[in-house]
Amino acid sequence: MAHARNGEEFRGAQALAGTPVDARETIVELTWRAVLSDWLTLQPVVQYTLNPDTDPALADSLAVGLRFELGWSRGW
């Protein structure tokens, strides 16, 4: 989980510039690393972002991904 906040001075400057911003952004991430063999590891990830980029025009977002690791060794 990550949480970021915009300070009052920044929000005030953005308001003067005519650019609306939200006060905060929150990200919740779930991940799991599965070692399937000595040469293959999979790591699925799901990430949900509330108030992305602190831009009120953007809807909350969902990202899904998969990281993988391949490895091998060679005997000399």
PDB file of N, CA and C in Angstrom:
ATOM      1  N   MET A   1       0.848  -1.163   0.000  1.00  0.00           N
ATOM      2  CA  MET A   1       0.000   0.000   0.000  1.00  0.00           C
ATOM      3  C   MET A   1       0.896   1.228   0.000  1.00  0.00           C
ATOM      4  N   ALA A   2       0.497   2.211  -0.781  1.00  0.00           N
ATOM      5  CA  ALA A   2       1.210   3.487  -0.827  1.00  0.00           C
ATOM      6  C   ALA A   2       0.176   4.611  -0.773  1.00  0.00           C
ATOM      7  N   HIS A   3       0.568   5.689  -0.121  1.00  0.00           N
ATOM      8  CA  HIS A   3      -0.342   6.823   0.025  1.00  0.00           C
ATOM      9  C   HIS A   3       0.481   8.097  -0.136  1.00  0.00           C
ATOM     10  N   ALA A   4       0.066   8.965  -1.047  1.00  0.00           N
ATOM     11  CA  ALA A   4       0.767  10.231  -1.273  1.00  0.00           C
ATOM     12  C   ALA A   4      -0.213  11.383  -1.100  1.00  0.00           C
ATOM     13  N   ARG A   5       0.290  12.478  -0.544  1.00  0.00           N
ATOM     14  CA  ARG A   5      -0.559  13.646  -0.322  1.00  0.00           C
ATOM     15  C   ARG A   5       0.061  14.869  -0.974  1.00  0.00           C
ATOM     16  N   ASN A   6      -0.792  15.718  -1.532  1.00  0.00           N
ATOM     17  CA  ASN A   6      -0.364  17.019  -2.026  1.00  0.00           C
ATOM     18  C   ASN A   6      -0.472  18.021  -0.887  1.00  0.00           C
ATOM     19  N   GLY A   7       0.560  18.843  -0.716  1.00  0.00           N
ATOM     20  CA  GLY A   7       0.557  19.846   0.333  1.00  0.00           C
ATOM     21  C   GLY A   7      -0.393  20.996   0.007  1.00  0.00           C
ATOM     22  N   GLU A   8      -0.720  21.746   1.028  1.00  0.00           N
ATOM     23  CA  GLU A   8      -1.653  22.867   0.864  1.00  0.00           C
ATOM     24  C   GLU A   8      -1.111  23.915  -0.105  1.00  0.00           C
ATOM     25  N   GLU A   9       0.199  24.187  -0.033  1.00  0.00           N
ATOM     26  CA  GLU A   9       0.787  25.190  -0.931  1.00  0.00           C
ATOM     27  C   GLU A   9       0.666  24.754  -2.392  1.00  0.00           C
ATOM     28  N   PHE A  10       0.941  23.487  -2.658  1.00  0.00           N
ATOM     29  CA  PHE A  10       0.823  22.976  -4.026  1.00  0.00           C
ATOM     30  C   PHE A  10      -0.617  23.051  -4.506  1.00  0.00           C
ATOM     31  N   ARG A  11      -1.550  22.618  -3.668  1.00  0.00           N
ATOM     32  CA  ARG A  11      -2.964  22.657  -4.063  1.00  0.00           C
ATOM     33  C   ARG A  11      -3.419  24.092  -4.307  1.00  0.00           C
ATOM     34  N   GLY A  12      -2.943  25.020  -3.482  1.00  0.00           N
ATOM     35  CA  GLY A  12      -3.284  26.422  -3.680  1.00  0.00           C
ATOM     36  C   GLY A  12      -2.727  26.973  -4.980  1.00  0.00           C
ATOM     37  N   ALA A  13      -1.468  26.623  -5.294  1.00  0.00           N
ATOM     38  CA  ALA A  13      -0.857  27.083  -6.540  1.00  0.00           C
ATOM     39  C   ALA A  13      -1.581  26.496  -7.743  1.00  0.00           C
ATOM     40  N   GLN A  14      -1.976  25.229  -7.652  1.00  0.00           N
ATOM     41  CA  GLN A  14      -2.707  24.594  -8.745  1.00  0.00           C
ATOM     42  C   GLN A  14      -4.075  25.251  -8.928  1.00  0.00           C
ATOM     43  N   ALA A  15      -4.724  25.598  -7.834  1.00  0.00           N
ATOM     44  CA  ALA A  15      -6.034  26.260  -7.918  1.00  0.00           C
ATOM     45  C   ALA A  15      -5.893  27.627  -8.586  1.00  0.00           C
ATOM     46  N   LEU A  16      -4.845  28.368  -8.252  1.00  0.00           N
ATOM     47  CA  LEU A  16      -4.603  29.670  -8.890  1.00  0.00           C
ATOM     48  C   LEU A  16      -4.332  29.519 -10.379  1.00  0.00           C
ATOM     49  N   ALA A  17      -3.698  28.408 -10.755  1.00  0.00           N
ATOM     50  CA  ALA A  17      -3.399  28.152 -12.169  1.00  0.00           C
ATOM     51  C   ALA A  17      -4.610  27.579 -12.907  1.00  0.00           C
ATOM     52  N   GLY A  18      -5.690  27.285 -12.166  1.00  0.00           N
ATOM     53  CA  GLY A  18      -6.885  26.730 -12.805  1.00  0.00           C
ATOM     54  C   GLY A  18      -6.806  25.231 -13.036  1.00  0.00           C
ATOM     55  N   THR A  19      -5.891  24.568 -12.341  1.00  0.00           N
ATOM     56  CA  THR A  19      -5.722  23.122 -12.478  1.00  0.00           C
ATOM     57  C   THR A  19      -6.198  22.442 -11.205  1.00  0.00           C
ATOM     58  N   PRO A  20      -7.367  21.815 -11.239  1.00  0.00           N
ATOM     59  CA  PRO A  20      -7.855  21.165 -10.022  1.00  0.00           C
ATOM     60  C   PRO A  20      -7.060  19.892  -9.713  1.00  0.00           C
ATOM     61  N   VAL A  21      -6.782  19.676  -8.441  1.00  0.00           N
ATOM     62  CA  VAL A  21      -6.112  18.456  -8.002  1.00  0.00           C
ATOM     63  C   VAL A  21      -6.800  17.944  -6.746  1.00  0.00           C
ATOM     64  N   ASP A  22      -6.736  16.640  -6.555  1.00  0.00           N
ATOM     65  CA  ASP A  22      -7.219  16.038  -5.317  1.00  0.00           C
ATOM     66  C   ASP A  22      -6.106  16.130  -4.274  1.00  0.00           C
ATOM     67  N   ALA A  23      -6.465  15.918  -3.042  1.00  0.00           N
ATOM     68  CA  ALA A  23      -5.495  16.029  -1.956  1.00  0.00           C
ATOM     69  C   ALA A  23      -4.575  14.819  -1.863  1.00  0.00           C
ATOM     70  N   ARG A  24      -5.048  13.654  -2.318  1.00  0.00           N
ATOM     71  CA  ARG A  24      -4.243  12.447  -2.100  1.00  0.00           C
ATOM     72  C   ARG A  24      -4.464  11.389  -3.171  1.00  0.00           C
ATOM     73  N   GLU A  25      -3.511  10.470  -3.249  1.00  0.00           N
ATOM     74  CA  GLU A  25      -3.585   9.295  -4.120  1.00  0.00           C
ATOM     75  C   GLU A  25      -3.232   8.086  -3.260  1.00  0.00           C
ATOM     76  N   THR A  26      -3.965   6.999  -3.439  1.00  0.00           N
ATOM     77  CA  THR A  26      -3.713   5.780  -2.685  1.00  0.00           C
ATOM     78  C   THR A  26      -3.617   4.604  -3.650  1.00  0.00           C
ATOM     79  N   ILE A  27      -2.619   3.762  -3.434  1.00  0.00           N
ATOM     80  CA  ILE A  27      -2.419   2.582  -4.274  1.00  0.00           C
ATOM     81  C   ILE A  27      -2.392   1.350  -3.377  1.00  0.00           C
ATOM     82  N   VAL A  28      -3.178   0.349  -3.758  1.00  0.00           N
ATOM     83  CA  VAL A  28      -3.185  -0.936  -3.065  1.00  0.00           C
ATOM     84  C   VAL A  28      -2.712  -1.980  -4.063  1.00  0.00           C
ATOM     85  N   GLU A  29      -1.723  -2.770  -3.653  1.00  0.00           N
ATOM     86  CA  GLU A  29      -1.131  -3.750  -4.571  1.00  0.00           C
ATOM     87  C   GLU A  29      -1.078  -5.116  -3.906  1.00  0.00           C
ATOM     88  N   LEU A  30      -1.464  -6.124  -4.658  1.00  0.00           N
ATOM     89  CA  LEU A  30      -1.360  -7.511  -4.206  1.00  0.00           C
ATOM     90  C   LEU A  30      -0.451  -8.246  -5.181  1.00  0.00           C
ATOM     91  N   THR A  31       0.508  -8.980  -4.634  1.00  0.00           N
ATOM     92  CA  THR A  31       1.413  -9.736  -5.493  1.00  0.00           C
ATOM     93  C   THR A  31       1.796 -11.028  -4.793  1.00  0.00           C
ATOM     94  N   TRP A  32       2.224 -11.982  -5.577  1.00  0.00           N
ATOM     95  CA  TRP A  32       2.621 -13.278  -5.045  1.00  0.00           C
ATOM     96  C   TRP A  32       3.681 -13.844  -5.962  1.00  0.00           C
ATOM     97  N   ARG A  33       4.763 -14.359  -5.409  1.00  0.00           N
ATOM     98  CA  ARG A  33       5.868 -14.915  -6.206  1.00  0.00           C
ATOM     99  C   ARG A  33       5.862 -16.425  -6.055  1.00  0.00           C
ATOM    100  N   ALA A  34       5.743 -17.127  -7.181  1.00  0.00           N
ATOM    101  CA  ALA A  34       5.670 -18.582  -7.178  1.00  0.00           C
ATOM    102  C   ALA A  34       6.870 -19.162  -7.920  1.00  0.00           C
ATOM    103  N   VAL A  35       7.699 -19.884  -7.203  1.00  0.00           N
ATOM    104  CA  VAL A  35       8.832 -20.573  -7.819  1.00  0.00           C
ATOM    105  C   VAL A  35       8.304 -21.918  -8.313  1.00  0.00           C
ATOM    106  N   LEU A  36       8.179 -22.050  -9.629  1.00  0.00           N
ATOM    107  CA  LEU A  36       7.576 -23.253 -10.206  1.00  0.00           C
ATOM    108  C   LEU A  36       8.601 -24.334 -10.507  1.00  0.00           C
ATOM    109  N   SER A  37       9.825 -23.947 -10.772  1.00  0.00           N
ATOM    110  CA  SER A  37      10.897 -24.908 -11.011  1.00  0.00           C
ATOM    111  C   SER A  37      12.216 -24.189 -10.783  1.00  0.00           C
ATOM    112  N   ASP A  38      13.335 -24.893 -10.984  1.00  0.00           N
ATOM    113  CA  ASP A  38      14.629 -24.246 -10.790  1.00  0.00           C
ATOM    114  C   ASP A  38      14.945 -23.239 -11.894  1.00  0.00           C
ATOM    115  N   TRP A  39      14.129 -23.203 -12.946  1.00  0.00           N
ATOM    116  CA  TRP A  39      14.381 -22.257 -14.040  1.00  0.00           C
ATOM    117  C   TRP A  39      13.220 -21.301 -14.325  1.00  0.00           C
ATOM    118  N   LEU A  40      12.077 -21.445 -13.603  1.00  0.00           N
ATOM    119  CA  LEU A  40      10.915 -20.603 -13.880  1.00  0.00           C
ATOM    120  C   LEU A  40      10.256 -20.104 -12.596  1.00  0.00           C
ATOM    121  N   THR A  41      10.080 -18.779 -12.524  1.00  0.00           N
ATOM    122  CA  THR A  41       9.372 -18.134 -11.429  1.00  0.00           C
ATOM    123  C   THR A  41       8.337 -17.184 -12.017  1.00  0.00           C
ATOM    124  N   LEU A  42       7.107 -17.237 -11.506  1.00  0.00           N
ATOM    125  CA  LEU A  42       6.044 -16.333 -11.935  1.00  0.00           C
ATOM    126  C   LEU A  42       5.631 -15.445 -10.770  1.00  0.00           C
ATOM    127  N   GLN A  43       5.307 -14.199 -11.079  1.00  0.00           N
ATOM    128  CA  GLN A  43       4.859 -13.265 -10.053  1.00  0.00           C
ATOM    129  C   GLN A  43       3.694 -12.437 -10.582  1.00  0.00           C
ATOM    130  N   PRO A  44       2.443 -12.879 -10.315  1.00  0.00           N
ATOM    131  CA  PRO A  44       1.290 -12.068 -10.716  1.00  0.00           C
ATOM    132  C   PRO A  44       1.135 -10.873  -9.784  1.00  0.00           C
ATOM    133  N   VAL A  45       0.567  -9.780 -10.321  1.00  0.00           N
ATOM    134  CA  VAL A  45       0.361  -8.573  -9.529  1.00  0.00           C
ATOM    135  C   VAL A  45      -0.958  -7.912  -9.934  1.00  0.00           C
ATOM    136  N   VAL A  46      -1.689  -7.408  -8.946  1.00  0.00           N
ATOM    137  CA  VAL A  46      -2.906  -6.633  -9.166  1.00  0.00           C
ATOM    138  C   VAL A  46      -2.731  -5.328  -8.388  1.00  0.00           C
ATOM    139  N   GLN A  47      -2.960  -4.206  -9.056  1.00  0.00           N
ATOM    140  CA  GLN A  47      -2.779  -2.899  -8.428  1.00  0.00           C
ATOM    141  C   GLN A  47      -4.017  -2.039  -8.668  1.00  0.00           C
ATOM    142  N   TYR A  48      -4.570  -1.479  -7.595  1.00  0.00           N
ATOM    143  CA  TYR A  48      -5.731  -0.609  -7.691  1.00  0.00           C
ATOM    144  C   TYR A  48      -5.319   0.777  -7.197  1.00  0.00           C
ATOM    145  N   THR A  49      -5.585   1.808  -8.008  1.00  0.00           N
ATOM    146  CA  THR A  49      -5.203   3.174  -7.667  1.00  0.00           C
ATOM    147  C   THR A  49      -6.442   4.033  -7.492  1.00  0.00           C
ATOM    148  N   LEU A  50      -6.542   4.665  -6.335  1.00  0.00           N
ATOM    149  CA  LEU A  50      -7.619   5.618  -6.044  1.00  0.00           C
ATOM    150  C   LEU A  50      -7.068   7.021  -6.290  1.00  0.00           C
ATOM    151  N   ASN A  51      -7.793   7.829  -7.034  1.00  0.00           N
ATOM    152  CA  ASN A  51      -7.382   9.192  -7.393  1.00  0.00           C
ATOM    153  C   ASN A  51      -6.029   9.216  -8.101  1.00  0.00           C
ATOM    154  N   PRO A  52      -5.891   8.509  -9.230  1.00  0.00           N
ATOM    155  CA  PRO A  52      -4.596   8.469  -9.905  1.00  0.00           C
ATOM    156  C   PRO A  52      -4.101   9.857 -10.285  1.00  0.00           C
ATOM    157  N   ASP A  53      -2.820  10.085 -10.032  1.00  0.00           N
ATOM    158  CA  ASP A  53      -2.153  11.353 -10.345  1.00  0.00           C
ATOM    159  C   ASP A  53      -2.819  12.536  -9.645  1.00  0.00           C
ATOM    160  N   THR A  54      -3.621  12.267  -8.634  1.00  0.00           N
ATOM    161  CA  THR A  54      -4.420  13.272  -7.909  1.00  0.00           C
ATOM    162  C   THR A  54      -5.210  14.175  -8.851  1.00  0.00           C
ATOM    163  N   ASP A  55      -5.587  13.628  -9.996  1.00  0.00           N
ATOM    164  CA  ASP A  55      -6.356  14.370 -11.003  1.00  0.00           C
ATOM    165  C   ASP A  55      -7.825  13.975 -10.878  1.00  0.00           C
ATOM    166  N   PRO A  56      -8.697  14.901 -10.484  1.00  0.00           N
ATOM    167  CA  PRO A  56     -10.108  14.544 -10.295  1.00  0.00           C
ATOM    168  C   PRO A  56     -10.813  14.144 -11.584  1.00  0.00           C
ATOM    169  N   ALA A  57     -10.225  14.438 -12.744  1.00  0.00           N
ATOM    170  CA  ALA A  57     -10.837  14.053 -14.019  1.00  0.00           C
ATOM    171  C   ALA A  57     -10.592  12.582 -14.347  1.00  0.00           C
ATOM    172  N   LEU A  58      -9.643  11.948 -13.651  1.00  0.00           N
ATOM    173  CA  LEU A  58      -9.317  10.551 -13.925  1.00  0.00           C
ATOM    174  C   LEU A  58     -10.099   9.622 -13.000  1.00  0.00           C
ATOM    175  N   ALA A  59     -10.602   8.529 -13.560  1.00  0.00           N
ATOM    176  CA  ALA A  59     -11.291   7.510 -12.762  1.00  0.00           C
ATOM    177  C   ALA A  59     -10.260   6.637 -12.055  1.00  0.00           C
ATOM    178  N   ASP A  60     -10.683   5.984 -10.986  1.00  0.00           N
ATOM    179  CA  ASP A  60      -9.812   5.016 -10.329  1.00  0.00           C
ATOM    180  C   ASP A  60      -9.382   3.971 -11.348  1.00  0.00           C
ATOM    181  N   SER A  61      -8.200   3.386 -11.151  1.00  0.00           N
ATOM    182  CA  SER A  61      -7.684   2.473 -12.163  1.00  0.00           C
ATOM    183  C   SER A  61      -7.293   1.126 -11.571  1.00  0.00           C
ATOM    184  N   LEU A  62      -7.323   0.123 -12.421  1.00  0.00           N
ATOM    185  CA  LEU A  62      -6.942  -1.233 -12.059  1.00  0.00           C
ATOM    186  C   LEU A  62      -5.896  -1.697 -13.064  1.00  0.00           C
ATOM    187  N   ALA A  63      -4.788  -2.204 -12.556  1.00  0.00           N
ATOM    188  CA  ALA A  63      -3.731  -2.737 -13.422  1.00  0.00           C
ATOM    189  C   ALA A  63      -3.446  -4.172 -13.003  1.00  0.00           C
ATOM    190  N   VAL A  64      -3.289  -5.039 -13.992  1.00  0.00           N
ATOM    191  CA  VAL A  64      -2.983  -6.445 -13.752  1.00  0.00           C
ATOM    192  C   VAL A  64      -1.753  -6.793 -14.572  1.00  0.00           C
ATOM    193  N   GLY A  65      -0.813  -7.474 -13.943  1.00  0.00           N
ATOM    194  CA  GLY A  65       0.414  -7.804 -14.661  1.00  0.00           C
ATOM    195  C   GLY A  65       0.967  -9.151 -14.237  1.00  0.00           C
ATOM    196  N   LEU A  66       1.984  -9.577 -14.964  1.00  0.00           N
ATOM    197  CA  LEU A  66       2.657 -10.839 -14.672  1.00  0.00           C
ATOM    198  C   LEU A  66       4.135 -10.665 -14.972  1.00  0.00           C
ATOM    199  N   ARG A  67       4.945 -10.864 -13.955  1.00  0.00           N
ATOM    200  CA  ARG A  67       6.398 -10.842 -14.121  1.00  0.00           C
ATOM    201  C   ARG A  67       6.876 -12.286 -14.136  1.00  0.00           C
ATOM    202  N   PHE A  68       7.864 -12.565 -14.963  1.00  0.00           N
ATOM    203  CA  PHE A  68       8.417 -13.906 -14.955  1.00  0.00           C
ATOM    204  C   PHE A  68       9.933 -13.842 -14.968  1.00  0.00           C
ATOM    205  N   GLU A  69      10.544 -14.862 -14.399  1.00  0.00           N
ATOM    206  CA  GLU A  69      11.993 -14.978 -14.370  1.00  0.00           C
ATOM    207  C   GLU A  69      12.371 -16.320 -14.970  1.00  0.00           C
ATOM    208  N   LEU A  70      13.304 -16.273 -15.893  1.00  0.00           N
ATOM    209  CA  LEU A  70      13.855 -17.488 -16.477  1.00  0.00           C
ATOM    210  C   LEU A  70      15.321 -17.559 -16.085  1.00  0.00           C
ATOM    211  N   GLY A  71      15.763 -18.720 -15.719  1.00  0.00           N
ATOM    212  CA  GLY A  71      17.166 -18.873 -15.329  1.00  0.00           C
ATOM    213  C   GLY A  71      17.715 -20.190 -15.826  1.00  0.00           C
ATOM    214  N   TRP A  72      18.997 -20.190 -16.025  1.00  0.00           N
ATOM    215  CA  TRP A  72      19.655 -21.420 -16.430  1.00  0.00           C
ATOM    216  C   TRP A  72      21.106 -21.341 -16.013  1.00  0.00           C
ATOM    217  N   SER A  73      21.697 -22.488 -15.905  1.00  0.00           N
ATOM    218  CA  SER A  73      23.129 -22.549 -15.597  1.00  0.00           C
ATOM    219  C   SER A  73      23.772 -23.492 -16.592  1.00  0.00           C
ATOM    220  N   ARG A  74      25.012 -23.224 -16.845  1.00  0.00           N
ATOM    221  CA  ARG A  74      25.726 -24.040 -17.829  1.00  0.00           C
ATOM    222  C   ARG A  74      27.013 -24.527 -17.192  1.00  0.00           C
ATOM    223  N   GLY A  75      27.156 -25.801 -17.119  1.00  0.00           N
ATOM    224  CA  GLY A  75      28.389 -26.360 -16.548  1.00  0.00           C
ATOM    225  C   GLY A  75      29.534 -26.294 -17.544  1.00  0.00           C
ATOM    226  N   TRP A  76      30.696 -25.936 -17.052  1.00  0.00           N
ATOM    227  CA  TRP A  76      31.870 -25.827 -17.940  1.00  0.00           C
ATOM    228  C   TRP A  76      32.740 -27.002 -17.735  1.00  0.00           C
TER     229      TRP A  76
END
